[in-house]
N, C-alpha and C. Protein backbone atom coordinates (compact mmCIF):
# COMPACT_ATOMS: atom_id res chain seq x y z
N UNK A 1 -30.76 54.09 26.61
CA UNK A 1 -30.94 55.20 25.67
C UNK A 1 -29.62 55.64 25.03
N UNK A 2 -28.56 54.91 25.29
CA UNK A 2 -27.26 55.26 24.70
C UNK A 2 -27.32 55.13 23.19
N UNK A 3 -27.01 56.20 22.49
CA UNK A 3 -27.01 56.17 21.03
C UNK A 3 -25.84 55.33 20.52
N UNK A 4 -26.07 54.62 19.44
CA UNK A 4 -25.01 53.81 18.85
C UNK A 4 -23.84 54.67 18.40
N UNK A 5 -24.13 55.88 17.97
CA UNK A 5 -23.08 56.79 17.54
C UNK A 5 -22.16 57.17 18.72
N UNK A 6 -22.73 57.25 19.93
CA UNK A 6 -21.91 57.53 21.11
C UNK A 6 -20.96 56.38 21.40
N UNK A 7 -21.43 55.16 21.21
CA UNK A 7 -20.57 53.99 21.40
C UNK A 7 -19.44 54.01 20.37
N UNK A 8 -19.78 54.38 19.14
CA UNK A 8 -18.80 54.42 18.06
C UNK A 8 -17.63 55.35 18.38
N UNK A 9 -17.90 56.45 19.06
CA UNK A 9 -16.85 57.44 19.32
C UNK A 9 -16.36 57.43 20.77
N UNK A 10 -16.76 56.44 21.54
CA UNK A 10 -16.33 56.36 22.93
C UNK A 10 -14.93 55.77 23.05
N UNK A 11 -14.01 56.54 23.62
CA UNK A 11 -12.66 56.02 23.84
C UNK A 11 -12.65 54.89 24.86
N UNK A 12 -13.54 54.98 25.84
CA UNK A 12 -13.62 53.94 26.86
C UNK A 12 -14.06 52.62 26.23
N UNK A 13 -15.10 52.66 25.39
CA UNK A 13 -15.56 51.45 24.71
C UNK A 13 -14.46 50.91 23.81
N UNK A 14 -13.82 51.78 23.07
CA UNK A 14 -12.75 51.34 22.18
C UNK A 14 -11.61 50.65 22.91
N UNK A 15 -11.37 51.10 24.14
CA UNK A 15 -10.27 50.53 24.92
C UNK A 15 -10.69 49.28 25.69
N UNK A 16 -11.87 49.30 26.30
CA UNK A 16 -12.29 48.22 27.17
C UNK A 16 -13.10 47.13 26.45
N UNK A 17 -13.85 47.53 25.43
CA UNK A 17 -14.71 46.58 24.71
C UNK A 17 -14.51 46.77 23.19
N UNK A 18 -13.31 46.52 22.70
CA UNK A 18 -13.03 46.81 21.29
C UNK A 18 -13.92 46.03 20.32
N UNK A 19 -14.36 44.84 20.72
CA UNK A 19 -15.23 44.09 19.81
C UNK A 19 -16.59 44.75 19.66
N UNK A 20 -17.12 45.34 20.73
CA UNK A 20 -18.37 46.09 20.63
C UNK A 20 -18.19 47.29 19.70
N UNK A 21 -17.07 47.97 19.84
CA UNK A 21 -16.79 49.12 18.97
C UNK A 21 -16.73 48.68 17.51
N UNK A 22 -16.08 47.55 17.24
CA UNK A 22 -15.98 47.06 15.87
C UNK A 22 -17.35 46.67 15.32
N UNK A 23 -18.17 46.05 16.17
CA UNK A 23 -19.50 45.62 15.73
C UNK A 23 -20.39 46.81 15.40
N UNK A 24 -20.28 47.87 16.18
CA UNK A 24 -21.13 49.05 15.96
C UNK A 24 -20.91 49.63 14.56
N UNK A 25 -19.71 49.52 14.04
CA UNK A 25 -19.42 50.07 12.72
C UNK A 25 -20.18 49.36 11.60
N UNK A 26 -20.72 48.18 11.91
CA UNK A 26 -21.51 47.44 10.92
C UNK A 26 -22.99 47.79 11.00
N UNK A 27 -23.38 48.58 11.98
CA UNK A 27 -24.80 48.88 12.17
C UNK A 27 -25.25 49.94 11.16
N UNK A 28 -26.08 49.55 10.22
CA UNK A 28 -26.69 50.49 9.29
C UNK A 28 -25.70 51.48 8.69
N UNK A 29 -26.07 52.76 8.76
CA UNK A 29 -25.26 53.86 8.26
C UNK A 29 -25.18 54.93 9.35
N UNK A 30 -24.47 56.02 9.07
CA UNK A 30 -24.31 57.06 10.08
C UNK A 30 -25.66 57.55 10.60
N UNK A 31 -26.62 57.72 9.68
CA UNK A 31 -27.94 58.19 10.10
C UNK A 31 -28.61 57.19 11.03
N UNK A 32 -28.40 55.90 10.77
CA UNK A 32 -28.96 54.85 11.63
C UNK A 32 -28.39 54.95 13.03
N UNK A 33 -27.07 55.07 13.10
CA UNK A 33 -26.40 55.08 14.40
C UNK A 33 -26.66 56.38 15.16
N UNK A 34 -26.95 57.45 14.44
CA UNK A 34 -27.30 58.71 15.12
C UNK A 34 -28.59 58.59 15.91
N UNK A 35 -29.53 57.80 15.41
CA UNK A 35 -30.84 57.67 16.03
C UNK A 35 -31.00 56.39 16.85
N UNK A 36 -30.37 55.32 16.39
CA UNK A 36 -30.55 54.03 17.05
C UNK A 36 -29.89 53.98 18.41
N UNK A 37 -30.51 53.26 19.33
CA UNK A 37 -29.94 53.10 20.67
C UNK A 37 -29.54 51.65 20.89
N UNK A 38 -28.62 51.44 21.83
CA UNK A 38 -28.20 50.09 22.19
C UNK A 38 -29.39 49.31 22.74
N UNK A 39 -30.10 49.92 23.69
CA UNK A 39 -31.25 49.24 24.28
C UNK A 39 -32.34 48.95 23.28
N UNK A 40 -32.55 49.86 22.34
CA UNK A 40 -33.57 49.65 21.32
C UNK A 40 -33.27 48.44 20.47
N UNK A 41 -32.02 48.28 20.07
CA UNK A 41 -31.63 47.13 19.26
C UNK A 41 -31.79 45.83 20.04
N UNK A 42 -31.40 45.85 21.31
CA UNK A 42 -31.48 44.64 22.12
C UNK A 42 -32.93 44.23 22.36
N UNK A 43 -33.81 45.20 22.51
CA UNK A 43 -35.23 44.88 22.73
C UNK A 43 -35.93 44.48 21.43
N UNK A 44 -35.50 45.07 20.32
CA UNK A 44 -36.04 44.66 19.02
C UNK A 44 -35.65 43.21 18.73
N UNK A 45 -34.41 42.87 19.09
CA UNK A 45 -33.91 41.49 19.10
C UNK A 45 -33.96 40.80 17.74
N UNK A 46 -33.57 41.52 16.71
CA UNK A 46 -33.40 40.86 15.43
C UNK A 46 -32.20 39.92 15.54
N UNK A 47 -32.33 38.65 15.14
CA UNK A 47 -31.22 37.71 15.30
C UNK A 47 -29.98 38.06 14.49
N UNK A 48 -30.12 38.95 13.49
CA UNK A 48 -28.96 39.37 12.70
C UNK A 48 -28.34 40.65 13.23
N UNK A 49 -28.92 41.25 14.27
CA UNK A 49 -28.41 42.53 14.80
C UNK A 49 -27.08 42.33 15.50
N UNK A 50 -26.17 43.25 15.27
CA UNK A 50 -24.80 43.13 15.78
C UNK A 50 -24.76 43.14 17.31
N UNK A 51 -25.46 44.07 17.94
CA UNK A 51 -25.36 44.20 19.38
C UNK A 51 -25.93 43.00 20.12
N UNK A 52 -26.88 42.31 19.51
CA UNK A 52 -27.43 41.10 20.12
C UNK A 52 -26.37 40.01 20.18
N UNK A 53 -25.56 39.89 19.13
CA UNK A 53 -24.47 38.91 19.15
C UNK A 53 -23.40 39.28 20.16
N UNK A 54 -23.14 40.57 20.29
CA UNK A 54 -22.08 41.02 21.21
C UNK A 54 -22.42 40.69 22.66
N UNK A 55 -23.67 40.91 23.08
CA UNK A 55 -24.01 40.59 24.48
C UNK A 55 -23.91 39.10 24.72
N UNK A 56 -24.23 38.29 23.70
CA UNK A 56 -24.09 36.84 23.85
C UNK A 56 -22.62 36.46 23.98
N UNK A 57 -21.77 37.08 23.17
CA UNK A 57 -20.34 36.76 23.20
C UNK A 57 -19.71 37.10 24.54
N UNK A 58 -20.15 38.20 25.15
CA UNK A 58 -19.56 38.66 26.41
C UNK A 58 -20.27 38.09 27.65
N UNK A 59 -21.32 37.28 27.44
CA UNK A 59 -22.12 36.84 28.59
C UNK A 59 -22.56 38.04 29.41
N UNK A 60 -23.04 39.07 28.73
CA UNK A 60 -23.45 40.30 29.40
C UNK A 60 -24.68 40.06 30.28
N UNK A 61 -24.95 41.02 31.14
CA UNK A 61 -26.10 40.97 32.03
C UNK A 61 -27.00 42.17 31.73
N UNK A 62 -28.28 41.91 31.58
CA UNK A 62 -29.25 42.96 31.28
C UNK A 62 -30.10 43.21 32.51
N UNK A 63 -30.27 44.49 32.86
CA UNK A 63 -31.05 44.87 34.02
C UNK A 63 -32.34 45.52 33.54
N UNK A 64 -33.46 44.98 33.99
CA UNK A 64 -34.77 45.50 33.59
C UNK A 64 -35.50 46.02 34.83
N UNK A 65 -36.35 47.00 34.60
CA UNK A 65 -37.10 47.63 35.69
C UNK A 65 -38.59 47.50 35.41
N UNK A 66 -39.33 47.08 36.42
CA UNK A 66 -40.78 46.97 36.30
C UNK A 66 -41.46 47.47 37.55
N UNK A 67 -42.76 47.33 37.60
CA UNK A 67 -43.52 47.80 38.76
C UNK A 67 -43.12 47.10 40.04
N UNK A 68 -42.65 45.86 39.92
CA UNK A 68 -42.27 45.09 41.11
C UNK A 68 -40.79 45.23 41.45
N UNK A 69 -40.05 46.06 40.71
CA UNK A 69 -38.63 46.27 41.00
C UNK A 69 -37.73 45.86 39.85
N UNK A 70 -36.46 45.73 40.16
CA UNK A 70 -35.47 45.37 39.16
C UNK A 70 -35.19 43.88 39.18
N UNK A 71 -34.77 43.37 38.02
CA UNK A 71 -34.25 42.01 37.96
C UNK A 71 -33.15 41.95 36.90
N UNK A 72 -32.28 40.98 37.06
CA UNK A 72 -31.13 40.81 36.16
C UNK A 72 -31.35 39.58 35.29
N UNK A 73 -31.02 39.71 34.02
CA UNK A 73 -31.23 38.64 33.06
C UNK A 73 -29.91 38.37 32.34
N UNK A 74 -29.47 37.13 32.35
CA UNK A 74 -28.26 36.76 31.61
C UNK A 74 -28.52 36.86 30.12
N UNK A 75 -27.49 37.21 29.37
CA UNK A 75 -27.64 37.35 27.92
C UNK A 75 -28.17 36.07 27.29
N UNK A 76 -27.77 34.92 27.83
CA UNK A 76 -28.22 33.64 27.28
C UNK A 76 -29.72 33.44 27.47
N UNK A 77 -30.32 34.13 28.43
CA UNK A 77 -31.75 33.99 28.72
C UNK A 77 -32.56 35.17 28.18
N UNK A 78 -31.91 36.12 27.54
CA UNK A 78 -32.60 37.31 27.03
C UNK A 78 -33.57 36.98 25.89
N UNK A 79 -33.18 36.17 24.89
CA UNK A 79 -34.14 35.84 23.83
C UNK A 79 -35.17 34.84 24.35
N UNK A 80 -36.43 35.21 24.28
CA UNK A 80 -37.51 34.32 24.67
C UNK A 80 -38.04 33.56 23.47
N UNK A 81 -38.08 34.24 22.33
CA UNK A 81 -38.52 33.65 21.07
C UNK A 81 -38.04 34.58 19.96
N UNK A 82 -38.46 34.34 18.74
CA UNK A 82 -38.04 35.18 17.63
C UNK A 82 -38.45 36.63 17.87
N UNK A 83 -37.44 37.53 17.92
CA UNK A 83 -37.66 38.96 18.12
C UNK A 83 -38.52 39.24 19.35
N UNK A 84 -38.36 38.40 20.38
CA UNK A 84 -39.13 38.53 21.62
C UNK A 84 -38.20 38.41 22.82
N UNK A 85 -37.85 39.53 23.47
CA UNK A 85 -36.97 39.45 24.64
C UNK A 85 -37.73 39.01 25.89
N UNK A 86 -36.99 38.66 26.91
CA UNK A 86 -37.57 38.19 28.17
C UNK A 86 -38.02 39.37 29.03
N UNK A 87 -38.95 40.13 28.49
CA UNK A 87 -39.49 41.30 29.19
C UNK A 87 -40.97 41.07 29.48
N UNK A 88 -41.39 41.41 30.69
CA UNK A 88 -42.82 41.41 31.00
C UNK A 88 -43.44 42.68 30.44
N UNK A 89 -44.76 42.71 30.26
CA UNK A 89 -45.40 43.90 29.68
C UNK A 89 -45.14 45.19 30.45
N UNK A 90 -44.85 45.09 31.75
CA UNK A 90 -44.65 46.30 32.54
C UNK A 90 -43.18 46.62 32.77
N UNK A 91 -42.28 45.98 32.01
CA UNK A 91 -40.84 46.16 32.23
C UNK A 91 -40.18 46.88 31.05
N UNK A 92 -39.08 47.58 31.37
CA UNK A 92 -38.22 48.17 30.34
C UNK A 92 -36.77 47.83 30.67
N UNK A 93 -35.96 47.80 29.64
CA UNK A 93 -34.52 47.58 29.81
C UNK A 93 -33.88 48.90 30.25
N UNK A 94 -33.13 48.87 31.35
CA UNK A 94 -32.54 50.11 31.87
C UNK A 94 -31.02 50.13 31.78
N UNK A 95 -30.37 48.97 31.72
CA UNK A 95 -28.90 48.99 31.58
C UNK A 95 -28.39 47.63 31.14
N UNK A 96 -27.18 47.65 30.62
CA UNK A 96 -26.49 46.43 30.20
C UNK A 96 -25.10 46.45 30.82
N UNK A 97 -24.70 45.35 31.41
CA UNK A 97 -23.40 45.28 32.08
C UNK A 97 -22.50 44.27 31.37
N UNK A 98 -21.34 44.76 30.96
CA UNK A 98 -20.33 43.92 30.32
C UNK A 98 -19.16 43.72 31.29
N UNK A 99 -18.58 42.55 31.25
CA UNK A 99 -17.32 42.30 31.95
C UNK A 99 -16.22 42.25 30.91
N UNK A 100 -15.35 43.26 30.85
CA UNK A 100 -14.30 43.27 29.82
C UNK A 100 -13.37 42.08 29.97
N UNK A 101 -12.88 41.59 28.86
CA UNK A 101 -11.84 40.56 28.89
C UNK A 101 -10.50 41.21 29.23
N UNK A 102 -9.51 40.40 29.67
CA UNK A 102 -8.19 40.97 29.97
C UNK A 102 -7.63 41.73 28.78
N UNK A 103 -6.78 42.68 29.07
CA UNK A 103 -6.27 43.58 28.03
C UNK A 103 -5.60 42.84 26.88
N UNK A 104 -5.01 41.70 27.17
CA UNK A 104 -4.25 40.98 26.14
C UNK A 104 -5.12 40.11 25.24
N UNK A 105 -6.43 40.20 25.34
CA UNK A 105 -7.28 39.32 24.54
C UNK A 105 -7.31 39.77 23.08
N UNK A 106 -7.69 38.83 22.22
CA UNK A 106 -7.92 39.14 20.82
C UNK A 106 -9.42 39.15 20.55
N UNK A 107 -9.84 39.90 19.57
CA UNK A 107 -11.27 40.05 19.28
C UNK A 107 -11.48 40.23 17.78
N UNK A 108 -12.69 39.95 17.34
CA UNK A 108 -13.07 40.23 15.96
C UNK A 108 -14.58 40.10 15.82
N UNK A 109 -15.16 40.98 15.03
CA UNK A 109 -16.56 40.85 14.64
C UNK A 109 -16.61 40.91 13.13
N UNK A 110 -17.11 39.84 12.52
CA UNK A 110 -17.18 39.74 11.07
C UNK A 110 -18.62 39.48 10.65
N UNK A 111 -19.07 40.12 9.59
CA UNK A 111 -20.38 39.80 9.04
C UNK A 111 -20.36 39.96 7.53
N UNK A 112 -21.31 39.28 6.89
CA UNK A 112 -21.45 39.39 5.44
C UNK A 112 -22.88 39.81 5.14
N UNK A 113 -23.03 40.89 4.37
CA UNK A 113 -24.35 41.39 3.98
C UNK A 113 -24.33 41.67 2.47
N UNK A 114 -25.48 41.74 1.88
CA UNK A 114 -25.57 42.02 0.44
C UNK A 114 -24.97 43.37 0.11
N UNK A 115 -25.23 44.35 0.97
CA UNK A 115 -24.65 45.69 0.84
C UNK A 115 -24.26 46.17 2.22
N UNK A 116 -23.28 47.06 2.30
CA UNK A 116 -22.92 47.63 3.59
C UNK A 116 -24.15 48.34 4.18
N UNK A 117 -24.43 48.03 5.43
CA UNK A 117 -25.58 48.63 6.10
C UNK A 117 -26.80 47.74 6.13
N UNK A 118 -26.84 46.71 5.25
CA UNK A 118 -27.94 45.75 5.29
C UNK A 118 -27.78 44.83 6.50
N UNK A 119 -28.88 44.18 6.88
CA UNK A 119 -28.76 43.17 7.92
C UNK A 119 -27.89 42.03 7.42
N UNK A 120 -27.11 41.47 8.31
CA UNK A 120 -26.15 40.44 7.93
C UNK A 120 -26.86 39.15 7.51
N UNK A 121 -26.31 38.50 6.50
CA UNK A 121 -26.73 37.15 6.16
C UNK A 121 -26.27 36.20 7.26
N UNK A 122 -25.06 36.43 7.74
CA UNK A 122 -24.53 35.71 8.90
C UNK A 122 -23.37 36.52 9.46
N UNK A 123 -23.11 36.34 10.75
CA UNK A 123 -22.01 37.06 11.39
C UNK A 123 -21.33 36.15 12.40
N UNK A 124 -20.13 36.56 12.82
CA UNK A 124 -19.39 35.82 13.82
C UNK A 124 -18.68 36.79 14.74
N UNK A 125 -18.79 36.57 16.03
CA UNK A 125 -18.12 37.38 17.04
C UNK A 125 -17.18 36.48 17.83
N UNK A 126 -15.89 36.81 17.83
CA UNK A 126 -14.89 35.96 18.47
C UNK A 126 -14.07 36.74 19.49
N UNK A 127 -13.84 36.11 20.64
CA UNK A 127 -12.95 36.61 21.67
C UNK A 127 -12.02 35.47 22.06
N UNK A 128 -10.72 35.76 22.17
CA UNK A 128 -9.77 34.70 22.52
C UNK A 128 -8.72 35.22 23.48
N UNK A 129 -8.24 34.32 24.31
CA UNK A 129 -7.07 34.55 25.16
C UNK A 129 -6.05 33.45 24.90
N UNK A 130 -4.78 33.80 24.86
CA UNK A 130 -3.72 32.83 24.66
C UNK A 130 -2.88 32.71 25.93
N UNK A 131 -2.38 31.50 26.18
CA UNK A 131 -1.49 31.32 27.33
C UNK A 131 -0.06 31.66 26.93
N UNK A 132 0.87 31.43 27.83
CA UNK A 132 2.26 31.78 27.58
C UNK A 132 2.90 31.01 26.45
N UNK A 133 2.31 29.88 26.07
CA UNK A 133 2.85 29.07 24.98
C UNK A 133 2.09 29.29 23.68
N UNK A 134 1.19 30.28 23.67
CA UNK A 134 0.46 30.59 22.46
C UNK A 134 -0.73 29.70 22.19
N UNK A 135 -1.16 28.94 23.20
CA UNK A 135 -2.33 28.09 23.04
C UNK A 135 -3.58 28.83 23.54
N UNK A 136 -4.72 28.46 22.99
CA UNK A 136 -5.97 29.07 23.46
C UNK A 136 -6.22 28.67 24.91
N UNK A 137 -6.44 29.66 25.77
CA UNK A 137 -6.81 29.37 27.15
C UNK A 137 -8.27 29.72 27.43
N UNK A 138 -8.85 30.54 26.58
CA UNK A 138 -10.26 30.93 26.72
C UNK A 138 -10.77 31.38 25.36
N UNK A 139 -11.97 30.96 25.00
CA UNK A 139 -12.53 31.29 23.69
C UNK A 139 -14.02 31.56 23.82
N UNK A 140 -14.49 32.56 23.11
CA UNK A 140 -15.92 32.82 22.96
C UNK A 140 -16.20 32.99 21.47
N UNK A 141 -17.16 32.21 20.96
CA UNK A 141 -17.50 32.29 19.54
C UNK A 141 -19.02 32.29 19.40
N UNK A 142 -19.56 33.33 18.79
CA UNK A 142 -21.00 33.48 18.64
C UNK A 142 -21.34 33.68 17.17
N UNK A 143 -22.32 32.94 16.70
CA UNK A 143 -22.79 33.05 15.31
C UNK A 143 -24.14 33.75 15.32
N UNK A 144 -24.26 34.79 14.51
CA UNK A 144 -25.50 35.56 14.44
C UNK A 144 -26.16 35.43 13.08
N UNK A 145 -27.48 35.61 13.06
CA UNK A 145 -28.20 35.68 11.80
C UNK A 145 -28.72 34.36 11.26
N UNK A 146 -28.34 33.23 11.86
CA UNK A 146 -28.71 31.95 11.26
C UNK A 146 -29.96 31.33 11.90
N UNK A 147 -30.28 31.73 13.13
CA UNK A 147 -31.41 31.13 13.83
C UNK A 147 -32.31 32.16 14.45
N UNK A 148 -33.09 31.74 15.46
CA UNK A 148 -34.01 32.65 16.13
C UNK A 148 -33.29 33.66 17.00
N UNK A 149 -32.05 33.35 17.37
CA UNK A 149 -31.22 34.23 18.19
C UNK A 149 -29.76 33.86 17.95
N UNK A 150 -28.82 34.71 18.33
CA UNK A 150 -27.41 34.35 18.19
C UNK A 150 -27.09 33.06 18.93
N UNK A 151 -26.15 32.31 18.41
CA UNK A 151 -25.82 30.99 18.94
C UNK A 151 -24.38 30.97 19.43
N UNK A 152 -24.18 30.68 20.71
CA UNK A 152 -22.84 30.47 21.25
C UNK A 152 -22.40 29.06 20.90
N UNK A 153 -21.25 28.97 20.27
CA UNK A 153 -20.71 27.69 19.82
C UNK A 153 -19.86 27.08 20.94
N UNK A 154 -20.52 26.63 22.00
CA UNK A 154 -19.81 26.19 23.21
C UNK A 154 -18.93 24.97 22.96
N UNK A 155 -19.39 24.04 22.14
CA UNK A 155 -18.58 22.85 21.87
C UNK A 155 -17.32 23.23 21.10
N UNK A 156 -17.45 24.15 20.16
CA UNK A 156 -16.27 24.62 19.42
C UNK A 156 -15.32 25.34 20.36
N UNK A 157 -15.86 26.17 21.24
CA UNK A 157 -15.03 26.89 22.21
C UNK A 157 -14.21 25.91 23.05
N UNK A 158 -14.87 24.89 23.57
CA UNK A 158 -14.19 23.91 24.42
C UNK A 158 -13.13 23.14 23.65
N UNK A 159 -13.44 22.82 22.39
CA UNK A 159 -12.49 22.07 21.57
C UNK A 159 -11.24 22.88 21.26
N UNK A 160 -11.37 24.20 21.16
CA UNK A 160 -10.24 25.05 20.83
C UNK A 160 -9.28 25.23 22.00
N UNK A 161 -9.80 25.21 23.22
CA UNK A 161 -8.95 25.43 24.40
C UNK A 161 -7.83 24.39 24.45
N UNK A 162 -6.62 24.87 24.59
CA UNK A 162 -5.45 24.00 24.63
C UNK A 162 -4.78 23.81 23.30
N UNK A 163 -5.41 24.26 22.22
CA UNK A 163 -4.83 24.12 20.89
C UNK A 163 -4.10 25.40 20.48
N UNK A 164 -3.21 25.24 19.53
CA UNK A 164 -2.57 26.39 18.89
C UNK A 164 -3.39 26.79 17.67
N UNK A 165 -3.47 28.08 17.43
CA UNK A 165 -4.19 28.56 16.27
C UNK A 165 -3.47 28.19 14.98
N UNK A 166 -4.23 27.98 13.94
CA UNK A 166 -3.66 27.64 12.64
C UNK A 166 -4.79 27.40 11.66
N UNK A 167 -4.43 27.30 10.39
CA UNK A 167 -5.45 27.19 9.35
C UNK A 167 -6.34 25.97 9.55
N UNK A 168 -5.74 24.82 9.88
CA UNK A 168 -6.56 23.61 10.05
C UNK A 168 -7.51 23.76 11.24
N UNK A 169 -7.00 24.29 12.32
CA UNK A 169 -7.83 24.48 13.51
C UNK A 169 -9.00 25.40 13.19
N UNK A 170 -8.73 26.48 12.48
CA UNK A 170 -9.80 27.42 12.13
C UNK A 170 -10.78 26.80 11.13
N UNK A 171 -10.27 26.00 10.21
CA UNK A 171 -11.15 25.34 9.23
C UNK A 171 -12.07 24.33 9.92
N UNK A 172 -11.54 23.60 10.89
CA UNK A 172 -12.36 22.64 11.62
C UNK A 172 -13.46 23.35 12.41
N UNK A 173 -13.11 24.46 13.04
CA UNK A 173 -14.11 25.23 13.78
C UNK A 173 -15.17 25.78 12.83
N UNK A 174 -14.73 26.26 11.67
CA UNK A 174 -15.66 26.80 10.68
C UNK A 174 -16.60 25.72 10.17
N UNK A 175 -16.08 24.52 9.98
CA UNK A 175 -16.91 23.43 9.48
C UNK A 175 -18.03 23.10 10.47
N UNK A 176 -17.71 23.16 11.76
CA UNK A 176 -18.73 22.91 12.78
C UNK A 176 -19.81 23.99 12.73
N UNK A 177 -19.40 25.23 12.54
CA UNK A 177 -20.37 26.33 12.46
C UNK A 177 -21.24 26.21 11.22
N UNK A 178 -20.66 25.72 10.14
CA UNK A 178 -21.41 25.58 8.89
C UNK A 178 -22.47 24.48 8.96
N UNK A 179 -22.40 23.64 10.01
CA UNK A 179 -23.39 22.59 10.20
C UNK A 179 -24.64 23.08 10.91
N UNK A 180 -24.64 24.32 11.36
CA UNK A 180 -25.83 24.86 12.02
C UNK A 180 -27.03 24.83 11.08
N UNK A 181 -28.18 24.49 11.62
CA UNK A 181 -29.41 24.49 10.84
C UNK A 181 -29.93 25.93 10.75
N UNK A 182 -29.66 26.57 9.66
CA UNK A 182 -30.03 27.98 9.49
C UNK A 182 -31.46 28.10 8.99
N UNK A 183 -32.01 29.29 9.18
CA UNK A 183 -33.33 29.60 8.62
C UNK A 183 -33.13 30.27 7.26
N UNK A 184 -34.00 29.96 6.33
CA UNK A 184 -33.96 30.59 5.02
C UNK A 184 -35.10 31.58 4.86
N UNK A 185 -35.01 32.41 3.84
CA UNK A 185 -36.09 33.35 3.55
C UNK A 185 -36.15 33.58 2.04
N UNK A 186 -36.93 34.56 1.62
CA UNK A 186 -37.12 34.79 0.19
C UNK A 186 -35.84 35.23 -0.51
N UNK A 187 -34.89 35.77 0.25
CA UNK A 187 -33.66 36.29 -0.36
C UNK A 187 -32.46 35.36 -0.17
N UNK A 188 -32.42 34.66 0.96
CA UNK A 188 -31.24 33.85 1.30
C UNK A 188 -31.67 32.44 1.67
N UNK A 189 -31.28 31.42 0.89
CA UNK A 189 -31.61 30.04 1.27
C UNK A 189 -30.83 29.59 2.49
N UNK A 190 -31.36 28.65 3.22
CA UNK A 190 -30.77 28.21 4.48
C UNK A 190 -29.35 27.68 4.29
N UNK A 191 -29.13 26.87 3.22
CA UNK A 191 -27.80 26.28 3.03
C UNK A 191 -26.73 27.35 2.83
N UNK A 192 -27.10 28.45 2.15
CA UNK A 192 -26.13 29.51 1.89
C UNK A 192 -25.83 30.27 3.18
N UNK A 193 -26.84 30.48 3.99
CA UNK A 193 -26.63 31.16 5.27
C UNK A 193 -25.70 30.34 6.16
N UNK A 194 -25.90 29.02 6.17
CA UNK A 194 -25.03 28.14 6.96
C UNK A 194 -23.59 28.21 6.45
N UNK A 195 -23.43 28.20 5.14
CA UNK A 195 -22.08 28.29 4.55
C UNK A 195 -21.40 29.59 4.96
N UNK A 196 -22.12 30.69 4.86
CA UNK A 196 -21.55 31.99 5.23
C UNK A 196 -21.19 32.03 6.70
N UNK A 197 -21.97 31.39 7.55
CA UNK A 197 -21.65 31.33 8.99
C UNK A 197 -20.28 30.70 9.21
N UNK A 198 -19.99 29.63 8.48
CA UNK A 198 -18.69 29.00 8.60
C UNK A 198 -17.56 29.90 8.13
N UNK A 199 -17.77 30.58 7.02
CA UNK A 199 -16.74 31.49 6.49
C UNK A 199 -16.46 32.62 7.48
N UNK A 200 -17.51 33.20 8.03
CA UNK A 200 -17.33 34.30 8.98
C UNK A 200 -16.65 33.82 10.26
N UNK A 201 -16.99 32.60 10.70
CA UNK A 201 -16.36 32.06 11.90
C UNK A 201 -14.85 31.90 11.71
N UNK A 202 -14.45 31.37 10.57
CA UNK A 202 -13.02 31.20 10.30
C UNK A 202 -12.30 32.54 10.28
N UNK A 203 -12.88 33.52 9.62
CA UNK A 203 -12.24 34.83 9.55
C UNK A 203 -12.16 35.49 10.92
N UNK A 204 -13.24 35.37 11.70
CA UNK A 204 -13.25 36.01 13.01
C UNK A 204 -12.23 35.37 13.94
N UNK A 205 -12.16 34.04 13.95
CA UNK A 205 -11.19 33.37 14.81
C UNK A 205 -9.76 33.69 14.41
N UNK A 206 -9.49 33.71 13.11
CA UNK A 206 -8.14 34.00 12.63
C UNK A 206 -7.74 35.43 12.99
N UNK A 207 -8.66 36.36 12.84
CA UNK A 207 -8.36 37.77 13.16
C UNK A 207 -8.17 37.96 14.65
N UNK A 208 -9.05 37.36 15.45
CA UNK A 208 -8.91 37.47 16.91
C UNK A 208 -7.61 36.86 17.38
N UNK A 209 -7.26 35.72 16.81
CA UNK A 209 -6.00 35.06 17.18
C UNK A 209 -4.80 35.93 16.82
N UNK A 210 -4.83 36.53 15.65
CA UNK A 210 -3.72 37.40 15.23
C UNK A 210 -3.60 38.61 16.15
N UNK A 211 -4.71 39.18 16.54
CA UNK A 211 -4.67 40.34 17.43
C UNK A 211 -4.14 39.98 18.80
N UNK A 212 -4.52 38.82 19.31
CA UNK A 212 -3.97 38.37 20.58
C UNK A 212 -2.49 38.10 20.45
N UNK A 213 -2.08 37.51 19.32
CA UNK A 213 -0.66 37.26 19.09
C UNK A 213 0.15 38.52 18.95
N UNK A 214 -0.44 39.55 18.29
CA UNK A 214 0.23 40.83 18.17
C UNK A 214 0.48 41.44 19.53
N UNK A 215 -0.50 41.29 20.43
CA UNK A 215 -0.36 41.87 21.77
C UNK A 215 0.78 41.17 22.50
N UNK A 216 0.82 39.84 22.41
CA UNK A 216 1.88 39.08 23.09
C UNK A 216 3.23 39.43 22.52
N UNK A 217 3.26 39.80 21.24
CA UNK A 217 4.53 40.13 20.62
C UNK A 217 4.95 41.58 20.79
N UNK A 218 4.16 42.34 21.55
CA UNK A 218 4.51 43.73 21.81
C UNK A 218 4.17 44.68 20.69
N UNK A 219 3.29 44.25 19.74
CA UNK A 219 2.97 45.09 18.60
C UNK A 219 1.68 45.87 18.80
N UNK A 220 0.96 45.59 19.90
CA UNK A 220 -0.35 46.20 20.10
C UNK A 220 -0.20 47.61 20.65
């Protein structure tokens, strides 16, 4: 029942989960965030919704309560089908657990919509850690809005580990994301949604990398 507006103004969220804080700012408008809840968005499970991508990026854990007791569901197992969470008819979502990344991590949430506040055509959520030599030691990259649920780009993540950030590296990662088979609709054709996914991925990785680099350089 946590209101999105509470997340927006939470100092704890801003400090421990800055990517969630950044993503919340893309949710609708102030009136939307005043009424909308985190749990409501996760249960509605629109594949373009910001908070759905964030739980995938963080490998969050969702706790549901039913007549037979509680159970825990990994974020990767939360989507059962299009806009259908892994909830039984007698269950409700009662909490979400995030494991914050180390303080020195870089983060970014990027999305492109026709107008601010609209559902995203495509989005990208990136988390990165750099080692002492400035190489990627850990990466999380999630693409939202292109399929039935947000997609973790695990092969791209693995390929980035051990590399140094740079334009070519980010372009290669973006190209892989642009190959996703996106869904189209009356407003956005599939090929355009796939293209936007690649653009957002490049921007998110570059921004997350810069933020991690700023921290290592003492500028954070």
